[in-house]
Protein backbone atom coordinates (compact mmCIF):
# COMPACT_ATOMS: atom_id res chain seq x y z
CA UNK A 1 166.29 92.54 154.39
CA UNK A 2 163.49 90.09 155.13
CA UNK A 3 164.69 86.89 156.82
CA UNK A 4 162.64 83.70 156.72
CA UNK A 5 162.41 81.17 159.51
CA UNK A 6 164.15 78.58 157.31
CA UNK A 7 167.02 80.97 156.68
CA UNK A 8 167.47 81.47 160.42
CA UNK A 9 167.56 77.69 160.87
CA UNK A 10 170.29 77.42 158.23
CA UNK A 11 172.33 80.14 159.93
CA UNK A 12 172.12 78.20 163.20
CA UNK A 13 173.40 75.06 161.48
CA UNK A 14 176.36 76.87 159.91
CA UNK A 15 177.12 78.54 163.25
CA UNK A 16 177.18 75.29 165.19
CA UNK A 17 179.51 73.63 162.70
CA UNK A 18 181.89 76.60 162.48
CA UNK A 19 182.19 77.19 166.23
CA UNK A 20 185.52 76.50 167.92
CA UNK A 21 187.58 77.30 164.85
CA UNK A 22 186.53 74.14 163.05
CA UNK A 23 186.78 74.41 159.28
CA UNK A 24 183.92 73.19 157.09
CA UNK A 25 183.70 72.83 153.35
CA UNK A 26 180.81 74.20 151.35
CA UNK A 27 179.78 70.63 150.59
CA UNK A 28 179.75 69.73 154.28
CA UNK A 29 177.65 72.77 155.23
CA UNK A 30 175.12 72.23 152.44
CA UNK A 31 174.88 68.53 153.34
CA UNK A 32 174.24 69.43 156.99
CA UNK A 33 171.32 71.62 155.94
CA UNK A 34 169.85 68.72 153.96
CA UNK A 35 170.40 66.21 156.78
CA UNK A 36 168.80 68.40 159.45
CA UNK A 37 166.13 70.25 157.48
CA UNK A 38 165.54 67.93 154.51
CA UNK A 39 166.11 70.98 152.31
CA UNK A 40 168.29 71.07 149.24
CA UNK A 41 169.86 74.48 148.74
CA UNK A 42 171.77 75.82 145.76
CA UNK A 43 175.27 77.27 145.80
CA UNK A 44 173.66 80.69 145.30
CA UNK A 45 171.48 80.29 148.38
CA UNK A 46 174.51 79.19 150.39
CA UNK A 47 176.52 82.23 149.29
CA UNK A 48 173.57 84.52 150.08
CA UNK A 49 173.31 82.96 153.55
CA UNK A 50 176.96 83.66 154.33
CA UNK A 51 176.63 87.20 152.98
CA UNK A 52 173.68 87.83 155.31
CA UNK A 53 175.56 86.44 158.30
CA UNK A 54 178.44 88.77 157.51
CA UNK A 55 176.74 91.99 156.46
CA UNK A 56 172.99 92.05 157.15
CA UNK A 57 172.53 95.03 159.51
CA UNK A 58 169.15 93.81 160.71
CA UNK A 59 170.55 90.44 161.78
CA UNK A 60 173.57 92.17 163.30
CA UNK A 61 175.68 88.97 163.37
CA UNK A 62 178.70 90.59 161.70
CA UNK A 63 180.13 87.10 161.44
CA UNK A 64 183.76 87.14 160.25
CA UNK A 65 183.62 83.98 158.14
CA UNK A 66 186.94 83.43 156.45
CA UNK A 67 187.33 81.33 153.32
CA UNK A 68 190.62 79.47 152.91
CA UNK A 69 190.90 78.76 149.16
CA UNK A 70 190.58 75.13 148.15
CA UNK A 71 190.06 74.14 151.80
CA UNK A 72 187.15 75.35 153.88
CA UNK A 73 185.19 78.10 155.67
CA UNK A 74 186.08 79.01 159.25
CA UNK A 75 185.30 81.65 161.87
CA UNK A 76 188.27 84.00 162.12
CA UNK A 77 187.60 84.21 165.86
CA UNK A 78 187.29 80.64 167.20
CA UNK A 79 185.21 81.91 170.14
CA UNK A 80 182.61 83.60 167.94
CA UNK A 81 178.97 82.47 167.78
CA UNK A 82 175.93 84.25 166.42
CA UNK A 83 174.11 83.46 169.67
CA UNK A 84 176.38 85.89 171.49
CA UNK A 85 175.58 88.75 169.12
CA UNK A 86 174.15 91.90 170.67
CA UNK A 87 170.86 93.32 169.51
CA UNK A 88 171.21 95.79 166.67
CA UNK A 89 169.69 99.27 166.81
CA UNK A 90 167.02 98.08 164.34
CA UNK A 91 166.12 95.17 166.62
CA UNK A 92 166.14 97.36 169.73
CA UNK A 93 163.76 99.80 168.06
CA UNK A 94 161.46 96.99 166.95
CA UNK A 95 161.57 95.42 170.42
CA UNK A 96 160.52 98.69 172.04
CA UNK A 97 157.69 99.11 169.55
CA UNK A 98 156.50 95.57 170.31
CA UNK A 99 156.57 96.31 174.03
CA UNK A 100 154.55 99.50 173.50
CA UNK A 101 151.86 97.59 171.60
CA UNK A 102 151.73 94.53 173.85
CA UNK A 103 151.64 96.68 177.00
CA UNK A 104 148.19 97.90 175.98
CA UNK A 105 146.92 94.40 176.83
CA UNK A 106 148.65 93.99 180.19
CA UNK A 107 145.45 94.60 182.15
CA UNK A 108 143.45 92.07 180.14
CA UNK A 109 142.14 89.45 182.59
CA UNK A 110 143.19 85.79 182.29
CA UNK A 111 146.20 86.78 180.12
CA UNK A 112 148.80 86.49 182.87
CA UNK A 113 151.15 84.59 180.57
CA UNK A 114 151.18 87.60 178.23
CA UNK A 115 151.75 89.92 181.17
CA UNK A 116 154.78 87.90 182.28
CA UNK A 117 156.19 87.91 178.75
CA UNK A 118 155.83 91.69 178.53
CA UNK A 119 157.58 92.10 181.86
CA UNK A 120 160.45 89.93 180.63
CA UNK A 121 160.74 92.03 177.47
CA UNK A 122 160.80 95.19 179.55
CA UNK A 123 163.59 93.74 181.70
CA UNK A 124 165.52 92.82 178.54
CA UNK A 125 165.03 96.31 177.22
CA UNK A 126 166.13 97.90 180.50
CA UNK A 127 169.54 96.34 180.09
CA UNK A 128 170.10 97.66 176.60
CA UNK A 129 171.35 101.06 177.65
CA UNK A 130 172.37 102.31 181.10
CA UNK A 131 169.76 100.02 182.75
CA UNK A 132 167.04 102.56 181.92
CA UNK A 133 163.95 101.80 179.84
CA UNK A 134 164.16 104.17 176.91
CA UNK A 135 160.87 105.90 176.23
CA UNK A 136 160.03 106.53 172.59
CA UNK A 137 157.17 108.10 170.75
CA UNK A 138 154.93 105.36 169.32
CA UNK A 139 154.95 104.66 165.60
CA UNK A 140 151.91 102.38 165.73
CA UNK A 141 149.11 102.97 168.24
CA UNK A 142 146.16 100.59 168.43
CA UNK A 143 142.72 101.36 169.76
CA UNK A 144 142.32 99.21 172.84
CA UNK A 145 139.70 99.66 175.57
CA UNK A 146 141.20 101.58 178.48
CA UNK A 147 139.06 99.61 180.90
CA UNK A 148 138.03 96.01 180.43
CA UNK A 149 134.67 94.65 181.64
CA UNK A 150 134.50 92.79 184.94
CA UNK A 151 137.43 90.36 185.00
CA UNK A 152 135.33 87.39 186.09
CA UNK A 153 132.81 87.92 183.28
CA UNK A 154 135.50 88.23 180.62
CA UNK A 155 137.39 85.24 181.95
CA UNK A 156 134.26 83.05 182.09
CA UNK A 157 133.30 84.01 178.54
CA UNK A 158 136.81 83.34 177.27
CA UNK A 159 136.94 79.88 178.86
CA UNK A 160 133.41 79.02 177.70
CA UNK A 161 134.31 79.87 174.10
CA UNK A 162 137.64 78.05 174.29
CA UNK A 163 136.12 74.83 175.65
CA UNK A 164 132.75 75.16 173.85
CA UNK A 165 130.67 75.26 177.04
CA UNK A 166 127.16 76.70 177.12
CA UNK A 167 126.51 79.62 179.47
CA UNK A 168 123.66 81.37 181.20
CA UNK A 169 123.75 85.16 181.55
CA UNK A 170 121.73 87.95 183.08
CA UNK A 171 121.58 90.74 180.52
CA UNK A 172 120.47 94.35 180.78
CA UNK A 173 119.63 95.88 177.36
CA UNK A 174 120.31 99.58 176.82
CA UNK A 175 116.66 100.39 176.19
CA UNK A 176 115.46 98.88 179.49
CA UNK A 177 115.39 100.53 182.91
CA UNK A 178 118.40 100.25 185.17
CA UNK A 179 116.79 97.48 187.21
CA UNK A 180 115.52 95.36 184.33
CA UNK A 181 117.42 92.35 183.05
CA UNK A 182 116.66 89.15 181.17
CA UNK A 183 118.11 85.66 181.39
CA UNK A 184 119.60 83.96 178.35
CA UNK A 185 121.05 80.51 177.74
CA UNK A 186 123.71 80.85 175.07
CA UNK A 187 126.36 79.09 173.03
CA UNK A 188 129.20 81.66 173.07
CA UNK A 189 131.15 81.96 169.81
CA UNK A 190 133.32 85.09 169.79
CA UNK A 191 134.31 88.21 171.71
CA UNK A 192 134.58 91.08 169.24
CA UNK A 193 135.79 94.67 169.66
CA UNK A 194 134.03 97.51 167.85
CA UNK A 195 134.61 101.22 168.47
CA UNK A 196 136.34 100.61 171.79
CA UNK A 197 133.58 98.35 173.14
CA UNK A 198 133.53 94.57 173.51
CA UNK A 199 130.66 92.38 172.33
CA UNK A 200 129.75 88.72 172.71
CA UNK A 201 128.54 86.88 169.62
CA UNK A 202 126.47 83.87 170.68
CA UNK A 203 123.70 81.50 169.61
CA UNK A 204 120.52 81.83 171.68
CA UNK A 205 117.98 79.13 172.55
CA UNK A 206 116.03 79.87 169.35
CA UNK A 207 119.11 79.04 167.28
CA UNK A 208 119.71 82.66 166.27
CA UNK A 209 123.13 84.27 166.38
CA UNK A 210 122.92 87.45 168.46
CA UNK A 211 125.18 90.22 169.74
CA UNK A 212 125.44 91.18 173.42
CA UNK A 213 127.37 94.14 174.81
CA UNK A 214 129.75 92.89 177.49
CA UNK A 215 129.20 95.93 179.72
CA UNK A 216 125.50 94.98 179.87
CA UNK A 217 126.14 91.41 181.04
CA UNK A 218 125.50 91.23 184.78
CA UNK A 219 126.92 87.78 185.41
CA UNK A 220 127.96 84.58 183.63
CA UNK A 221 127.35 80.98 184.69
CA UNK A 222 129.33 78.38 182.80
CA UNK A 223 127.32 75.20 182.27
CA UNK A 224 128.63 71.67 181.77
CA UNK A 225 126.74 71.28 178.49
CA UNK A 226 129.02 71.36 175.47
CA UNK A 227 128.12 72.47 171.95
CA UNK A 228 129.55 71.59 168.54
CA UNK A 229 128.75 74.66 166.48
CA UNK A 230 131.68 76.36 164.75
CA UNK A 231 131.84 80.02 163.80
CA UNK A 232 133.32 81.73 160.76
CA UNK A 233 133.73 85.37 161.76
CA UNK A 234 134.75 86.57 158.29
CA UNK A 235 131.69 85.02 156.70
CA UNK A 236 129.31 86.16 159.44
CA UNK A 237 130.41 89.81 159.29
CA UNK A 238 130.96 89.85 155.52
CA UNK A 239 128.12 92.31 154.90
CA UNK A 240 128.09 94.00 158.30
CA UNK A 241 128.88 97.67 158.71
CA UNK A 242 129.77 97.61 162.36
CA UNK A 243 128.57 95.00 164.82
CA UNK A 244 124.93 94.51 163.70
CA UNK A 245 123.99 91.40 161.73
CA UNK A 246 120.32 90.63 161.13
CA UNK A 247 119.63 86.91 160.91
CA UNK A 248 118.29 85.63 157.62
CA UNK A 249 118.29 89.10 156.03
CA UNK A 250 119.92 89.65 152.65
CA UNK A 251 122.38 92.57 152.31
CA UNK A 252 121.15 95.75 150.62
CA UNK A 253 122.86 97.47 147.70
CA UNK A 254 123.58 101.01 148.88
CA UNK A 255 124.47 103.69 146.30
CA UNK A 256 126.00 106.95 147.50
CA UNK A 257 127.26 110.07 145.74
CA UNK A 258 130.12 111.91 147.45
CA UNK A 259 131.22 115.44 146.65
CA UNK A 260 134.76 116.03 145.45
CA UNK A 261 135.86 117.12 148.94
CA UNK A 262 135.24 113.64 150.35
CA UNK A 263 135.92 111.61 147.20
CA UNK A 264 139.61 110.92 147.85
CA UNK A 265 138.95 109.98 151.46
CA UNK A 266 136.26 107.46 150.46
CA UNK A 267 138.50 105.98 147.75
CA UNK A 268 141.49 105.52 150.03
CA UNK A 269 139.54 104.64 153.21
CA UNK A 270 136.89 102.30 151.87
CA UNK A 271 133.56 102.31 153.69
CA UNK A 272 133.26 98.54 153.29
CA UNK A 273 135.16 95.74 151.60
CA UNK A 274 132.36 95.40 149.01
CA UNK A 275 132.81 99.02 147.89
CA UNK A 276 132.87 99.54 144.13
CA UNK A 277 133.16 102.72 142.10
CA UNK A 278 130.28 103.19 139.67
CA UNK A 279 131.64 106.40 138.20
CA UNK A 280 133.74 109.43 139.08
CA UNK A 281 133.38 112.75 137.29
CA UNK A 282 132.98 116.45 137.99
CA UNK A 283 129.74 115.77 139.88
CA UNK A 284 131.55 113.62 142.44
CA UNK A 285 132.23 109.99 143.32
CA UNK A 286 129.37 107.50 142.85
CA UNK A 287 129.94 104.25 144.78
CA UNK A 288 128.00 101.18 145.84
CA UNK A 289 128.37 98.91 148.87
CA UNK A 290 126.48 95.76 149.86
CA UNK A 291 125.66 95.78 153.58
CA UNK A 292 122.97 94.87 156.06
CA UNK A 293 120.39 97.43 157.13
CA UNK A 294 121.52 98.84 160.45
CA UNK A 295 121.72 101.90 162.66
CA UNK A 296 125.47 101.95 162.03
CA UNK A 297 124.79 102.45 158.33
CA UNK A 298 122.55 105.46 158.96
CA UNK A 299 125.09 106.96 161.36
CA UNK A 300 127.92 106.46 158.89
CA UNK A 301 126.04 108.27 156.11
CA UNK A 302 125.02 111.07 158.50
CA UNK A 303 128.63 111.55 159.56
CA UNK A 304 129.48 112.95 156.10
CA UNK A 305 126.86 115.69 156.46
CA UNK A 306 126.29 117.59 153.22
CA UNK A 307 129.22 115.76 151.62
CA UNK A 308 127.09 112.77 150.63
CA UNK A 309 123.79 112.10 148.84
CA UNK A 310 121.90 108.81 149.08
CA UNK A 311 121.04 107.61 145.57
CA UNK A 312 119.34 104.42 146.76
CA UNK A 313 117.57 102.78 148.53
CA UNK A 314 114.76 105.18 149.41
CA UNK A 315 114.44 103.95 153.02
CA UNK A 316 118.03 105.01 153.73
CA UNK A 317 117.53 108.42 152.12
CA UNK A 318 114.35 108.92 154.17
CA UNK A 319 116.11 107.89 157.41
CA UNK A 320 118.96 110.35 156.83
CA UNK A 321 116.55 113.19 155.95
CA UNK A 322 114.40 112.48 159.01
CA UNK A 323 117.46 112.51 161.28
CA UNK A 324 118.70 115.77 159.73
CA UNK A 325 115.30 117.42 160.22
CA UNK A 326 115.22 116.39 163.86
CA UNK A 327 118.68 117.88 164.38
CA UNK A 328 117.63 121.12 162.65
CA UNK A 329 114.51 121.37 164.85
CA UNK A 330 116.44 120.54 168.01
CA UNK A 331 114.39 117.42 168.63
CA UNK A 332 116.08 115.18 171.22
CA UNK A 333 115.54 111.50 170.63
CA UNK A 334 114.50 109.54 173.74
């Protein structure tokens, strides 16, 4: 049963008034909710609240609230309080799942407060049964980088974004030699993860929004100069397929025909949020997406092999054919 934050606040009010064996009328309890929360609740909501406190397995209160006809409600055990309730098996399971997920971020630099919280949760969990942390197979597993970039670089970028401070970086592009690097003065906007790598989205001195791989940043100098620009990530990446966004370029309408083997996969695991089905028949699934031109787009289409045909545009079809021919001829791209 889903429990809202307001419902939990109401339960706390009832609990405080019923503690110590003090009897309270329905009118008194409902009035207390209004006085403390400025919320008017119906008799039905009140009855549902008491039912949840008594029987909701997820909450695990198991509150023995006794009704004395024509008088009041009272805890049968005057020493009872919901705050002394033990965690239910549902809550224990959820707690352990939360610990599993949060623990993936324990090594993230500058997040010591999160690390301390995780350690406290682990200590709580260790006391649930025989003082041993119970290991469970994960139900949800997130893709998180196993190794973070240099802690000082990540910390400086985080603080620069948080306080809107300009930075200067030394950057080594992939295509350059190992010794080559360039200097950039940037307004950092966002750190974004894509395919287990971290990227910095920033505005350069020409006013263009660019993407920089964090593992290629040699060092970061935080400047005192502040900037005012704001960044809407959803809007910026609206037509991106991956991490590449070309400034001032309109998205392209891409039409693809998938064979029946891949049709269900493409329908249930959409290639992009703009995906629309043009038609589906015995020839396959014909879809369209609106995305920017990028290397990620070509790689995505290539990954389906013979299961996809590019209907349009011609430049994408040519790029896929050229790549396939190079693979067939054993040509290694350098």
